[in-house]
Amino acid sequence: MSFDAPVIAPTRGLDPAWLDYNGHLNMAYYNVLFDKAVDHAFALIGSGPDYLKSRNMSFFTAEAHVCYLRELKPDAQVNTSVQLLDHDAKRLHFYQEIRHVEGWVSATSETLLLHVDMSGPRAAEMPQDIFAKVSEMAEAHASLPRPERAGRSVQIVRKDSRGSA
């Protein structure tokens, strides 16, 4: 199987129920868009809803960091990308961007996901066939530059009385 680098979920609009009283996409629904894009990537590696039903395994988000860069208005059409930055037998490290169809970035997300055996539930190694597909995706994504926004953490930078950092 050949993977796009990055994986791009199908273009979509915004559900009117996702809009807040400010007239733009509510912050919670950016995560819905990111999650739907990961679902698209999981379908490509064979770990979608049928994976849970047939093998009793899934992926859980352990950590997520979202940056809201530019608001999305009600009529927006967006594409959401998924780039696999790193992985091992139990973990996936994704970087994602929501882009307006005009090309500008609205939000980014960086997530760490755990592969989970639902009988525990507990973190568990991926079966070899799934791990092989993840590794194939990683190989396709290795040619991509590391996103500038990846690896950021939240912090307050204090300034002295002169306004210097």
N, C-alpha and C. Protein backbone atom coordinates (compact mmCIF):
# COMPACT_ATOMS: atom_id res chain seq x y z
N MET A 1 0.84 -1.19 0.00
CA MET A 1 0.00 0.00 0.00
C MET A 1 0.88 1.24 0.00
N SER A 2 0.48 2.24 -0.71
CA SER A 2 1.21 3.50 -0.78
C SER A 2 0.44 4.56 0.01
N PHE A 3 1.15 5.31 0.83
CA PHE A 3 0.50 6.34 1.65
C PHE A 3 0.82 7.72 1.13
N ASP A 4 -0.19 8.60 1.15
CA ASP A 4 0.05 10.01 0.85
C ASP A 4 0.86 10.59 2.00
N ALA A 5 1.66 11.57 1.67
CA ALA A 5 2.48 12.21 2.70
C ALA A 5 2.24 13.72 2.66
N PRO A 6 1.52 14.26 3.60
CA PRO A 6 0.78 13.62 4.68
C PRO A 6 -0.53 13.03 4.16
N VAL A 7 -1.21 12.29 5.05
CA VAL A 7 -2.55 11.79 4.74
C VAL A 7 -3.50 12.98 4.85
N ILE A 8 -4.35 13.15 3.83
CA ILE A 8 -5.32 14.25 3.83
C ILE A 8 -6.72 13.67 3.85
N ALA A 9 -7.49 14.06 4.86
CA ALA A 9 -8.89 13.63 4.94
C ALA A 9 -9.70 14.38 3.88
N PRO A 10 -10.82 13.82 3.47
CA PRO A 10 -11.65 14.50 2.45
C PRO A 10 -12.07 15.90 2.90
N THR A 11 -12.18 16.79 1.94
CA THR A 11 -12.64 18.16 2.21
C THR A 11 -14.04 18.11 2.79
N ARG A 12 -14.28 18.98 3.75
CA ARG A 12 -15.60 19.02 4.38
C ARG A 12 -15.94 20.42 4.84
N GLY A 13 -17.22 20.65 5.05
CA GLY A 13 -17.70 21.89 5.62
C GLY A 13 -17.89 21.74 7.12
N LEU A 14 -18.39 22.79 7.74
CA LEU A 14 -18.62 22.80 9.18
C LEU A 14 -20.10 22.55 9.46
N ASP A 15 -20.37 21.76 10.47
CA ASP A 15 -21.74 21.52 10.91
C ASP A 15 -22.22 22.80 11.61
N PRO A 16 -23.37 23.35 11.23
CA PRO A 16 -23.87 24.57 11.88
C PRO A 16 -23.98 24.45 13.40
N ALA A 17 -24.20 23.25 13.91
CA ALA A 17 -24.30 23.05 15.37
C ALA A 17 -22.96 23.25 16.06
N TRP A 18 -21.87 23.28 15.30
CA TRP A 18 -20.54 23.44 15.87
C TRP A 18 -20.14 24.91 16.06
N LEU A 19 -20.98 25.82 15.62
CA LEU A 19 -20.64 27.24 15.70
C LEU A 19 -21.01 27.80 17.07
N ASP A 20 -20.20 28.73 17.55
CA ASP A 20 -20.49 29.33 18.84
C ASP A 20 -21.17 30.68 18.67
N TYR A 21 -21.46 31.34 19.77
CA TYR A 21 -22.17 32.61 19.72
C TYR A 21 -21.33 33.74 19.13
N ASN A 22 -20.03 33.50 18.90
CA ASN A 22 -19.19 34.49 18.23
C ASN A 22 -19.24 34.35 16.71
N GLY A 23 -19.97 33.35 16.24
CA GLY A 23 -20.14 33.17 14.81
C GLY A 23 -19.01 32.42 14.13
N HIS A 24 -18.20 31.69 14.91
CA HIS A 24 -17.16 30.87 14.30
C HIS A 24 -17.13 29.50 14.96
N LEU A 25 -16.28 28.63 14.43
CA LEU A 25 -16.19 27.26 14.94
C LEU A 25 -15.78 27.28 16.41
N ASN A 26 -16.58 26.62 17.25
CA ASN A 26 -16.27 26.48 18.67
C ASN A 26 -15.00 25.65 18.83
N MET A 27 -14.20 25.99 19.81
CA MET A 27 -12.89 25.34 19.99
C MET A 27 -12.98 23.82 20.11
N ALA A 28 -14.02 23.30 20.70
CA ALA A 28 -14.14 21.85 20.88
C ALA A 28 -14.23 21.12 19.54
N TYR A 29 -14.81 21.76 18.54
CA TYR A 29 -15.04 21.08 17.27
C TYR A 29 -13.83 21.06 16.36
N TYR A 30 -12.82 21.85 16.67
CA TYR A 30 -11.55 21.68 15.98
C TYR A 30 -11.04 20.26 16.27
N ASN A 31 -11.21 19.83 17.52
CA ASN A 31 -10.79 18.47 17.90
C ASN A 31 -11.60 17.41 17.16
N VAL A 32 -12.86 17.69 16.88
CA VAL A 32 -13.67 16.75 16.10
C VAL A 32 -13.08 16.61 14.70
N LEU A 33 -12.71 17.73 14.09
CA LEU A 33 -12.10 17.69 12.76
C LEU A 33 -10.77 16.93 12.79
N PHE A 34 -9.96 17.17 13.81
CA PHE A 34 -8.70 16.42 13.94
C PHE A 34 -8.98 14.93 14.11
N ASP A 35 -9.94 14.60 14.94
CA ASP A 35 -10.27 13.20 15.22
C ASP A 35 -10.79 12.49 13.96
N LYS A 36 -11.63 13.16 13.19
CA LYS A 36 -12.15 12.56 11.95
C LYS A 36 -11.01 12.30 10.97
N ALA A 37 -10.01 13.17 10.93
CA ALA A 37 -8.87 12.95 10.05
C ALA A 37 -8.03 11.76 10.51
N VAL A 38 -7.87 11.60 11.81
CA VAL A 38 -7.15 10.43 12.33
C VAL A 38 -7.94 9.16 12.01
N ASP A 39 -9.27 9.23 12.12
CA ASP A 39 -10.09 8.07 11.74
C ASP A 39 -9.83 7.70 10.28
N HIS A 40 -9.69 8.69 9.42
CA HIS A 40 -9.39 8.45 8.00
C HIS A 40 -8.04 7.73 7.87
N ALA A 41 -7.03 8.21 8.60
CA ALA A 41 -5.71 7.56 8.57
C ALA A 41 -5.78 6.14 9.13
N PHE A 42 -6.55 5.95 10.22
CA PHE A 42 -6.68 4.62 10.80
C PHE A 42 -7.35 3.65 9.83
N ALA A 43 -8.32 4.12 9.06
CA ALA A 43 -8.95 3.26 8.07
C ALA A 43 -7.91 2.76 7.06
N LEU A 44 -6.95 3.61 6.72
CA LEU A 44 -5.91 3.23 5.76
C LEU A 44 -4.99 2.14 6.30
N ILE A 45 -4.79 2.11 7.62
CA ILE A 45 -3.89 1.09 8.19
C ILE A 45 -4.66 -0.10 8.76
N GLY A 46 -5.97 -0.09 8.60
CA GLY A 46 -6.76 -1.23 9.05
C GLY A 46 -7.11 -1.23 10.51
N SER A 47 -7.14 -0.05 11.13
CA SER A 47 -7.45 0.00 12.56
C SER A 47 -8.66 0.90 12.86
N GLY A 48 -9.65 0.84 11.99
CA GLY A 48 -10.88 1.59 12.19
C GLY A 48 -11.85 0.84 13.08
N PRO A 49 -13.16 1.13 12.96
CA PRO A 49 -14.17 0.49 13.82
C PRO A 49 -14.18 -1.04 13.73
N ASP A 50 -13.90 -1.59 12.55
CA ASP A 50 -13.88 -3.05 12.42
C ASP A 50 -12.73 -3.67 13.21
N TYR A 51 -11.66 -2.91 13.38
CA TYR A 51 -10.51 -3.38 14.15
C TYR A 51 -10.92 -3.63 15.61
N LEU A 52 -11.69 -2.71 16.15
CA LEU A 52 -12.19 -2.87 17.51
C LEU A 52 -13.10 -4.10 17.60
N LYS A 53 -14.00 -4.23 16.63
CA LYS A 53 -14.95 -5.36 16.64
C LYS A 53 -14.25 -6.70 16.45
N SER A 54 -13.30 -6.77 15.54
CA SER A 54 -12.68 -8.06 15.21
C SER A 54 -11.53 -8.45 16.13
N ARG A 55 -10.79 -7.47 16.65
CA ARG A 55 -9.60 -7.79 17.45
C ARG A 55 -9.66 -7.28 18.89
N ASN A 56 -10.70 -6.50 19.20
CA ASN A 56 -10.84 -5.92 20.53
C ASN A 56 -9.64 -5.05 20.90
N MET A 57 -9.15 -4.30 19.90
CA MET A 57 -8.05 -3.37 20.10
C MET A 57 -8.41 -2.04 19.47
N SER A 58 -7.78 -0.98 19.98
CA SER A 58 -8.06 0.35 19.48
C SER A 58 -6.89 1.27 19.81
N PHE A 59 -7.06 2.54 19.56
CA PHE A 59 -6.09 3.56 19.95
C PHE A 59 -6.80 4.58 20.82
N PHE A 60 -6.11 5.05 21.87
CA PHE A 60 -6.61 6.10 22.75
C PHE A 60 -5.65 7.28 22.67
N THR A 61 -6.19 8.47 22.72
CA THR A 61 -5.36 9.67 22.79
C THR A 61 -4.87 9.83 24.23
N ALA A 62 -3.56 9.90 24.39
CA ALA A 62 -2.97 10.08 25.72
C ALA A 62 -2.64 11.55 25.98
N GLU A 63 -2.36 12.29 24.91
CA GLU A 63 -1.98 13.70 25.06
C GLU A 63 -2.31 14.42 23.77
N ALA A 64 -2.77 15.67 23.88
CA ALA A 64 -3.06 16.48 22.70
C ALA A 64 -2.72 17.93 23.00
N HIS A 65 -2.15 18.58 22.01
CA HIS A 65 -1.83 20.01 22.13
C HIS A 65 -2.35 20.70 20.88
N VAL A 66 -3.30 21.61 21.05
CA VAL A 66 -3.93 22.30 19.92
C VAL A 66 -3.53 23.77 19.94
N CYS A 67 -3.22 24.30 18.77
CA CYS A 67 -2.97 25.73 18.59
C CYS A 67 -4.03 26.27 17.63
N TYR A 68 -4.75 27.28 18.07
CA TYR A 68 -5.79 27.92 17.25
C TYR A 68 -5.16 29.15 16.63
N LEU A 69 -5.01 29.14 15.32
CA LEU A 69 -4.27 30.20 14.63
C LEU A 69 -5.15 31.21 13.91
N ARG A 70 -6.24 30.73 13.34
CA ARG A 70 -7.14 31.62 12.59
C ARG A 70 -8.53 31.01 12.61
N GLU A 71 -9.52 31.83 12.91
CA GLU A 71 -10.88 31.33 13.09
C GLU A 71 -11.48 30.83 11.78
N LEU A 72 -12.37 29.87 11.93
CA LEU A 72 -13.14 29.34 10.81
C LEU A 72 -14.57 29.87 10.89
N LYS A 73 -15.04 30.43 9.81
CA LYS A 73 -16.39 31.00 9.72
C LYS A 73 -17.38 29.93 9.24
N PRO A 74 -18.68 30.18 9.37
CA PRO A 74 -19.69 29.16 9.08
C PRO A 74 -19.61 28.49 7.71
N ASP A 75 -19.21 29.22 6.68
CA ASP A 75 -19.21 28.65 5.33
C ASP A 75 -17.87 28.02 4.94
N ALA A 76 -16.97 27.87 5.88
CA ALA A 76 -15.62 27.36 5.59
C ALA A 76 -15.65 25.92 5.08
N GLN A 77 -14.78 25.64 4.13
CA GLN A 77 -14.50 24.30 3.65
C GLN A 77 -13.05 24.03 4.05
N VAL A 78 -12.79 22.86 4.65
CA VAL A 78 -11.45 22.59 5.19
C VAL A 78 -10.94 21.21 4.78
N ASN A 79 -9.62 21.11 4.81
CA ASN A 79 -8.92 19.83 4.68
C ASN A 79 -8.10 19.66 5.95
N THR A 80 -8.04 18.45 6.46
CA THR A 80 -7.24 18.19 7.65
C THR A 80 -6.21 17.12 7.31
N SER A 81 -4.95 17.42 7.64
CA SER A 81 -3.85 16.51 7.33
C SER A 81 -3.40 15.78 8.58
N VAL A 82 -2.79 14.62 8.35
CA VAL A 82 -2.22 13.80 9.42
C VAL A 82 -0.81 13.42 8.98
N GLN A 83 0.16 13.81 9.79
CA GLN A 83 1.56 13.44 9.53
C GLN A 83 2.05 12.62 10.71
N LEU A 84 2.56 11.42 10.43
CA LEU A 84 3.12 10.56 11.47
C LEU A 84 4.56 11.00 11.70
N LEU A 85 4.83 11.55 12.89
CA LEU A 85 6.18 12.02 13.21
C LEU A 85 7.06 10.91 13.77
N ASP A 86 6.45 10.00 14.55
CA ASP A 86 7.23 8.95 15.19
C ASP A 86 6.27 7.84 15.62
N HIS A 87 6.83 6.68 15.88
CA HIS A 87 6.03 5.56 16.37
C HIS A 87 6.93 4.51 16.98
N ASP A 88 6.34 3.69 17.82
CA ASP A 88 6.97 2.46 18.27
C ASP A 88 5.86 1.42 18.37
N ALA A 89 6.11 0.31 18.98
CA ALA A 89 5.14 -0.79 18.99
C ALA A 89 3.83 -0.46 19.69
N LYS A 90 3.84 0.55 20.59
CA LYS A 90 2.64 0.90 21.35
C LYS A 90 2.14 2.32 21.13
N ARG A 91 2.93 3.18 20.47
CA ARG A 91 2.59 4.60 20.43
C ARG A 91 2.70 5.17 19.02
N LEU A 92 1.85 6.19 18.77
CA LEU A 92 1.89 6.97 17.54
C LEU A 92 1.98 8.44 17.93
N HIS A 93 2.83 9.18 17.23
CA HIS A 93 2.98 10.62 17.45
C HIS A 93 2.58 11.31 16.15
N PHE A 94 1.41 11.98 16.17
CA PHE A 94 0.88 12.65 15.00
C PHE A 94 1.00 14.16 15.11
N TYR A 95 1.16 14.80 13.96
CA TYR A 95 1.04 16.25 13.81
C TYR A 95 -0.04 16.48 12.77
N GLN A 96 -0.97 17.40 13.04
CA GLN A 96 -2.07 17.66 12.14
C GLN A 96 -2.26 19.14 11.90
N GLU A 97 -2.81 19.45 10.74
CA GLU A 97 -3.19 20.82 10.41
C GLU A 97 -4.58 20.83 9.80
N ILE A 98 -5.39 21.81 10.22
CA ILE A 98 -6.65 22.09 9.55
C ILE A 98 -6.36 23.29 8.66
N ARG A 99 -6.58 23.10 7.36
CA ARG A 99 -6.35 24.16 6.38
C ARG A 99 -7.67 24.51 5.70
N HIS A 100 -7.90 25.80 5.59
CA HIS A 100 -9.00 26.28 4.78
C HIS A 100 -8.67 25.92 3.34
N VAL A 101 -9.68 25.68 2.50
CA VAL A 101 -9.42 25.30 1.11
C VAL A 101 -8.65 26.38 0.35
N GLU A 102 -8.62 27.61 0.88
CA GLU A 102 -7.81 28.67 0.27
C GLU A 102 -6.33 28.50 0.57
N GLY A 103 -5.99 27.57 1.49
CA GLY A 103 -4.59 27.25 1.76
C GLY A 103 -4.04 27.67 3.11
N TRP A 104 -4.70 28.57 3.81
CA TRP A 104 -4.17 29.02 5.09
C TRP A 104 -4.49 28.04 6.22
N VAL A 105 -3.59 28.01 7.22
CA VAL A 105 -3.72 27.10 8.36
C VAL A 105 -4.60 27.74 9.43
N SER A 106 -5.61 27.02 9.85
CA SER A 106 -6.51 27.50 10.89
C SER A 106 -6.07 27.01 12.27
N ALA A 107 -5.64 25.75 12.35
CA ALA A 107 -5.27 25.17 13.65
C ALA A 107 -4.31 24.01 13.43
N THR A 108 -3.52 23.74 14.46
CA THR A 108 -2.62 22.59 14.45
C THR A 108 -2.88 21.76 15.71
N SER A 109 -2.55 20.49 15.62
CA SER A 109 -2.68 19.60 16.77
C SER A 109 -1.52 18.62 16.75
N GLU A 110 -0.99 18.37 17.90
CA GLU A 110 0.05 17.36 18.07
C GLU A 110 -0.46 16.38 19.12
N THR A 111 -0.48 15.09 18.77
CA THR A 111 -1.06 14.11 19.67
C THR A 111 -0.16 12.90 19.84
N LEU A 112 -0.30 12.30 20.99
CA LEU A 112 0.34 11.01 21.29
C LEU A 112 -0.80 10.04 21.54
N LEU A 113 -0.81 8.95 20.77
CA LEU A 113 -1.85 7.93 20.90
C LEU A 113 -1.23 6.63 21.37
N LEU A 114 -1.98 5.91 22.19
CA LEU A 114 -1.56 4.61 22.68
C LEU A 114 -2.39 3.51 22.03
N HIS A 115 -1.73 2.44 21.63
CA HIS A 115 -2.45 1.26 21.15
C HIS A 115 -2.94 0.51 22.39
N VAL A 116 -4.22 0.14 22.39
CA VAL A 116 -4.84 -0.40 23.60
C VAL A 116 -5.52 -1.74 23.32
N ASP A 117 -5.24 -2.69 24.18
CA ASP A 117 -5.97 -3.96 24.23
C ASP A 117 -7.18 -3.69 25.12
N MET A 118 -8.36 -3.75 24.55
CA MET A 118 -9.57 -3.37 25.27
C MET A 118 -9.97 -4.36 26.35
N SER A 119 -9.37 -5.55 26.38
CA SER A 119 -9.71 -6.51 27.44
C SER A 119 -9.20 -6.03 28.78
N GLY A 120 -8.24 -5.11 28.80
CA GLY A 120 -7.70 -4.57 30.05
C GLY A 120 -8.60 -3.50 30.65
N PRO A 121 -8.81 -2.38 30.01
CA PRO A 121 -7.97 -1.95 28.90
C PRO A 121 -6.57 -1.59 29.38
N ARG A 122 -5.60 -1.84 28.49
CA ARG A 122 -4.21 -1.52 28.82
C ARG A 122 -3.44 -1.30 27.52
N ALA A 123 -2.38 -0.52 27.60
CA ALA A 123 -1.51 -0.31 26.44
C ALA A 123 -0.91 -1.65 26.04
N ALA A 124 -0.86 -1.89 24.74
CA ALA A 124 -0.35 -3.16 24.23
C ALA A 124 0.30 -2.93 22.87
N GLU A 125 1.22 -3.80 22.52
CA GLU A 125 1.86 -3.70 21.22
C GLU A 125 0.85 -3.96 20.11
N MET A 126 1.03 -3.26 19.00
CA MET A 126 0.19 -3.48 17.83
C MET A 126 0.49 -4.85 17.24
N PRO A 127 -0.53 -5.50 16.68
CA PRO A 127 -0.26 -6.73 15.94
C PRO A 127 0.70 -6.43 14.79
N GLN A 128 1.45 -7.42 14.37
CA GLN A 128 2.49 -7.22 13.37
C GLN A 128 1.97 -6.61 12.07
N ASP A 129 0.79 -7.04 11.60
CA ASP A 129 0.27 -6.50 10.34
C ASP A 129 -0.06 -5.02 10.44
N ILE A 130 -0.60 -4.58 11.58
CA ILE A 130 -0.91 -3.16 11.78
C ILE A 130 0.39 -2.38 11.93
N PHE A 131 1.33 -2.91 12.72
CA PHE A 131 2.61 -2.24 12.90
C PHE A 131 3.33 -2.08 11.56
N ALA A 132 3.23 -3.08 10.68
CA ALA A 132 3.88 -2.99 9.36
C ALA A 132 3.27 -1.87 8.54
N LYS A 133 1.95 -1.69 8.60
CA LYS A 133 1.30 -0.59 7.87
C LYS A 133 1.68 0.77 8.46
N VAL A 134 1.75 0.84 9.79
CA VAL A 134 2.19 2.08 10.44
C VAL A 134 3.62 2.40 10.01
N SER A 135 4.47 1.40 9.98
CA SER A 135 5.86 1.61 9.56
C SER A 135 5.94 2.06 8.11
N GLU A 136 5.06 1.53 7.27
CA GLU A 136 5.01 1.96 5.87
C GLU A 136 4.58 3.42 5.77
N MET A 137 3.60 3.80 6.59
CA MET A 137 3.17 5.20 6.63
C MET A 137 4.33 6.07 7.10
N ALA A 138 5.04 5.64 8.14
CA ALA A 138 6.17 6.40 8.66
C ALA A 138 7.24 6.58 7.59
N GLU A 139 7.48 5.56 6.81
CA GLU A 139 8.48 5.66 5.74
C GLU A 139 8.05 6.71 4.71
N ALA A 140 6.77 6.72 4.34
CA ALA A 140 6.26 7.71 3.40
C ALA A 140 6.37 9.12 3.98
N HIS A 141 6.13 9.26 5.27
CA HIS A 141 6.14 10.57 5.91
C HIS A 141 7.54 11.04 6.28
N ALA A 142 8.52 10.14 6.26
CA ALA A 142 9.90 10.50 6.61
C ALA A 142 10.47 11.53 5.66
N SER A 143 9.95 11.61 4.44
CA SER A 143 10.46 12.58 3.47
C SER A 143 9.93 13.99 3.75
N LEU A 144 8.92 14.11 4.60
CA LEU A 144 8.35 15.42 4.92
C LEU A 144 9.24 16.15 5.92
N PRO A 145 9.34 17.46 5.81
CA PRO A 145 10.08 18.19 6.85
C PRO A 145 9.33 18.15 8.17
N ARG A 146 10.07 18.20 9.26
CA ARG A 146 9.41 18.25 10.58
C ARG A 146 8.73 19.61 10.69
N PRO A 147 7.44 19.62 11.01
CA PRO A 147 6.71 20.89 11.09
C PRO A 147 7.32 21.82 12.15
N GLU A 148 7.42 23.09 11.79
CA GLU A 148 7.99 24.08 12.71
C GLU A 148 7.22 24.14 14.02
N ARG A 149 5.91 23.93 13.97
CA ARG A 149 5.09 24.04 15.17
C ARG A 149 5.12 22.78 16.03
N ALA A 150 5.68 21.69 15.54
CA ALA A 150 5.74 20.45 16.32
C ALA A 150 6.70 20.59 17.50
N GLY A 151 6.31 20.01 18.62
CA GLY A 151 7.17 20.02 19.80
C GLY A 151 7.05 21.25 20.67
N ARG A 152 6.09 22.10 20.38
CA ARG A 152 5.90 23.29 21.21
C ARG A 152 5.23 22.90 22.53
N SER A 153 5.50 23.65 23.54
CA SER A 153 4.80 23.43 24.81
C SER A 153 4.23 24.77 25.26
N VAL A 154 3.27 24.70 26.15
CA VAL A 154 2.64 25.90 26.66
C VAL A 154 3.48 26.47 27.78
N GLN A 155 3.74 27.73 27.71
CA GLN A 155 4.46 28.40 28.78
C GLN A 155 4.18 29.89 28.74
N ILE A 156 4.33 30.55 29.86
CA ILE A 156 4.24 32.00 29.93
C ILE A 156 5.66 32.52 30.04
N VAL A 157 6.03 33.36 29.11
CA VAL A 157 7.36 33.96 29.14
C VAL A 157 7.23 35.27 29.88
N ARG A 158 7.90 35.37 31.01
CA ARG A 158 7.85 36.59 31.82
C ARG A 158 8.75 37.65 31.23
N LYS A 159 8.30 38.88 31.27
CA LYS A 159 9.10 40.01 30.78
C LYS A 159 9.52 40.84 31.98
N ASP A 160 10.70 41.41 31.87
CA ASP A 160 11.15 42.29 32.95
C ASP A 160 10.45 43.63 32.79
N SER A 161 10.74 44.56 33.67
CA SER A 161 10.05 45.85 33.69
C SER A 161 10.27 46.65 32.42
N ARG A 162 11.30 46.33 31.64
CA ARG A 162 11.58 47.03 30.38
C ARG A 162 10.86 46.37 29.21
N GLY A 163 10.13 45.26 29.43
CA GLY A 163 9.43 44.58 28.35
C GLY A 163 10.27 43.56 27.63
N SER A 164 11.48 43.27 28.14
CA SER A 164 12.31 42.25 27.51
C SER A 164 12.01 40.88 28.08
N ALA A 165 12.17 39.87 27.25
CA ALA A 165 11.92 38.50 27.71
C ALA A 165 13.06 37.99 28.56
